[in-house]
Protein backbone atom coordinates (compact mmCIF):
# COMPACT_ATOMS: atom_id res chain seq x y z
CA MET A 1 -0.48 1.45 -20.88
CA ILE A 2 -2.47 -1.64 -21.81
CA LEU A 3 -1.34 -4.98 -20.44
CA LEU A 4 -2.16 -8.22 -22.22
CA THR A 5 -2.32 -11.50 -20.36
CA GLY A 6 -1.98 -15.05 -21.66
CA ASN A 7 -5.68 -15.75 -21.24
CA GLY A 8 -6.75 -13.24 -23.89
CA ALA A 9 -7.59 -10.51 -21.39
CA ALA A 10 -6.32 -6.96 -21.56
CA THR A 11 -6.39 -4.41 -18.81
CA GLN A 12 -5.45 -0.78 -18.76
CA GLU A 13 -3.02 -0.08 -15.92
CA GLY A 14 -4.49 2.08 -13.19
CA SER A 15 -8.08 1.62 -14.31
CA ALA A 16 -10.95 -0.45 -13.04
CA PHE A 17 -11.80 -1.87 -16.44
CA LEU A 18 -11.06 -5.26 -17.93
CA PHE A 19 -11.63 -6.07 -21.57
CA GLN A 20 -11.80 -9.58 -22.91
CA ILE A 21 -10.83 -9.99 -26.55
CA ASP A 22 -12.67 -12.74 -28.38
CA CYS A 23 -12.33 -13.10 -32.18
CA ALA A 24 -12.08 -9.36 -32.83
CA LYS A 25 -14.97 -8.62 -30.47
CA ILE A 26 -14.30 -6.64 -27.32
CA HIS A 27 -16.40 -7.35 -24.26
CA TYR A 28 -16.44 -5.06 -21.25
CA VAL A 29 -16.18 -6.90 -17.93
CA PRO A 30 -15.96 -5.05 -14.58
CA ALA A 31 -12.57 -5.81 -13.03
CA VAL A 32 -11.41 -5.98 -9.46
CA ASN A 33 -9.93 -2.59 -8.71
CA HIS A 34 -6.23 -3.26 -8.15
CA THR A 35 -5.80 0.05 -6.34
CA SER A 36 -8.51 -0.87 -3.84
CA ALA A 37 -6.81 -4.18 -3.09
CA LEU A 38 -3.47 -2.43 -2.64
CA ASP A 39 -5.02 0.22 -0.39
CA ALA A 40 -6.67 -2.52 1.67
CA ALA A 41 -3.28 -4.22 2.02
CA PHE A 42 -1.68 -0.97 3.24
CA ILE A 43 -4.44 -0.49 5.80
CA ALA A 44 -4.13 -4.13 6.92
CA VAL A 45 -0.39 -3.67 7.54
CA TRP A 46 -1.10 -0.45 9.49
CA GLN A 47 -3.81 -2.19 11.55
CA GLN A 48 -1.68 -5.16 12.50
CA ALA A 49 1.54 -3.23 13.18
CA LEU A 50 0.26 -0.12 14.96
CA VAL A 51 -3.21 -0.91 16.31
CA ASP A 52 -2.84 -4.60 17.18
CA CYS A 53 0.86 -4.17 18.10
CA ALA A 54 1.54 -7.50 16.40
CA LYS A 55 5.10 -8.76 16.10
CA LYS A 56 4.22 -10.29 12.73
CA VAL A 57 1.96 -9.09 9.92
CA THR A 58 0.03 -11.55 7.78
CA LEU A 59 -0.77 -10.40 4.26
CA GLY A 60 -1.90 -12.60 1.38
CA GLY A 61 -0.91 -15.78 3.20
CA LYS A 62 2.63 -14.53 3.84
CA ILE A 63 4.05 -13.50 7.20
CA TYR A 64 6.27 -10.44 7.60
CA ALA A 65 8.14 -9.44 10.76
CA VAL A 66 7.43 -6.12 12.45
CA ARG A 67 10.88 -4.79 13.29
CA ARG A 68 11.84 -1.72 15.28
CA THR A 69 14.22 0.96 14.04
CA ALA A 70 17.43 1.29 16.05
CA LYS A 71 17.41 5.03 16.66
CA HIS A 72 13.76 5.85 17.43
CA ASN A 73 12.20 2.41 18.05
CA LEU A 74 9.62 2.93 15.26
CA ALA A 75 7.64 0.01 13.84
CA GLN A 76 8.81 -1.05 10.39
CA VAL A 77 7.47 -3.75 8.09
CA ASP A 78 9.03 -4.80 4.78
CA PHE A 79 6.42 -6.62 2.68
CA GLU A 80 5.40 -7.37 -0.90
CA PHE A 81 2.17 -6.90 -2.80
CA ASP A 82 1.95 -8.28 -6.35
CA GLU A 83 5.70 -8.90 -6.21
CA ILE A 84 6.42 -5.21 -5.55
CA PRO A 85 8.37 -4.51 -2.35
CA TYR A 86 7.03 -1.94 0.11
CA ARG A 87 8.13 -0.64 3.48
CA ALA A 88 5.65 0.53 6.09
CA LEU A 89 7.25 2.86 8.63
CA GLU A 90 5.68 4.33 11.75
CA GLN A 91 5.76 8.13 11.68
CA ASN A 92 8.56 9.71 13.72
CA ARG A 93 6.81 12.07 16.16
CA LEU A 94 9.94 14.22 16.53
CA THR A 95 9.91 15.62 12.98
CA ASN A 96 8.19 18.85 11.95
CA SER A 97 5.79 17.36 9.41
CA ARG A 98 2.01 17.62 9.63
CA TRP A 99 1.92 13.82 9.99
CA ALA A 100 4.27 14.00 13.00
CA GLN A 101 2.02 16.66 14.50
CA LEU A 102 -0.94 14.27 14.21
CA ALA A 103 1.15 11.48 15.76
CA ARG A 104 2.06 13.74 18.69
CA LYS A 105 -1.67 14.30 19.24
CA GLY A 106 -2.20 10.54 19.51
CA ALA A 107 -3.01 9.54 15.92
CA ARG A 108 -1.49 6.30 14.67
CA VAL A 109 0.43 7.27 11.54
CA MET A 110 2.30 4.99 9.15
CA GLN A 111 4.10 6.00 5.95
CA ILE A 112 4.29 3.54 3.04
CA LEU A 113 7.33 3.60 0.75
CA SER A 114 8.30 1.81 -2.44
CA SER A 115 11.70 2.13 -4.13
CA GLY A 116 12.63 4.87 -1.68
CA ARG A 117 9.59 7.01 -2.55
CA TYR A 118 6.65 7.78 -0.30
CA VAL A 119 3.52 6.20 -1.79
CA CYS A 120 0.91 7.02 0.83
CA VAL A 121 0.24 7.56 4.51
CA VAL A 122 -2.30 5.81 6.74
CA VAL A 123 -3.64 7.89 9.63
CA ASP A 124 -6.06 6.19 12.01
CA GLY A 125 -7.19 3.85 9.24
CA LYS A 126 -7.61 6.52 6.56
CA LEU A 127 -5.28 6.25 3.57
CA THR A 128 -4.00 9.32 1.72
CA ARG A 129 -2.04 8.77 -1.50
CA TYR A 130 0.75 11.11 -2.52
CA SER A 131 0.61 12.45 -6.07
CA ARG A 132 3.21 11.03 -8.43
CA GLY A 133 4.18 14.36 -9.91
CA LYS A 134 5.95 14.60 -13.26
CA THR A 135 8.32 11.84 -14.30
């Protein structure tokens, strides 16, 4: 999908390319990789919530509360990036997943969700994206 902006720029979603359209000429301009910025935001939330044990997470000039789940006392942060809501949730060590196994061994593991779907996981500062699958 190609997105057009009001300033005459077009960008292809999910790519690291930006094209500027000027009187039927197309100029290639390297763009800031949106995915890298999003990944950095996920890692920043993980760092502040699980490593720094902060009660509030600061991201893009906004402050988000680090809450604790009622049943298992897991860290949880609801935040936005580019107006898209996300939830960062500390991994429950009591489950049977491979991520829980790492958490039981002392790794700091946080799952990131959007619209009820798991987007990625951050384990000791390393981000792993989940594949989207077929839609």
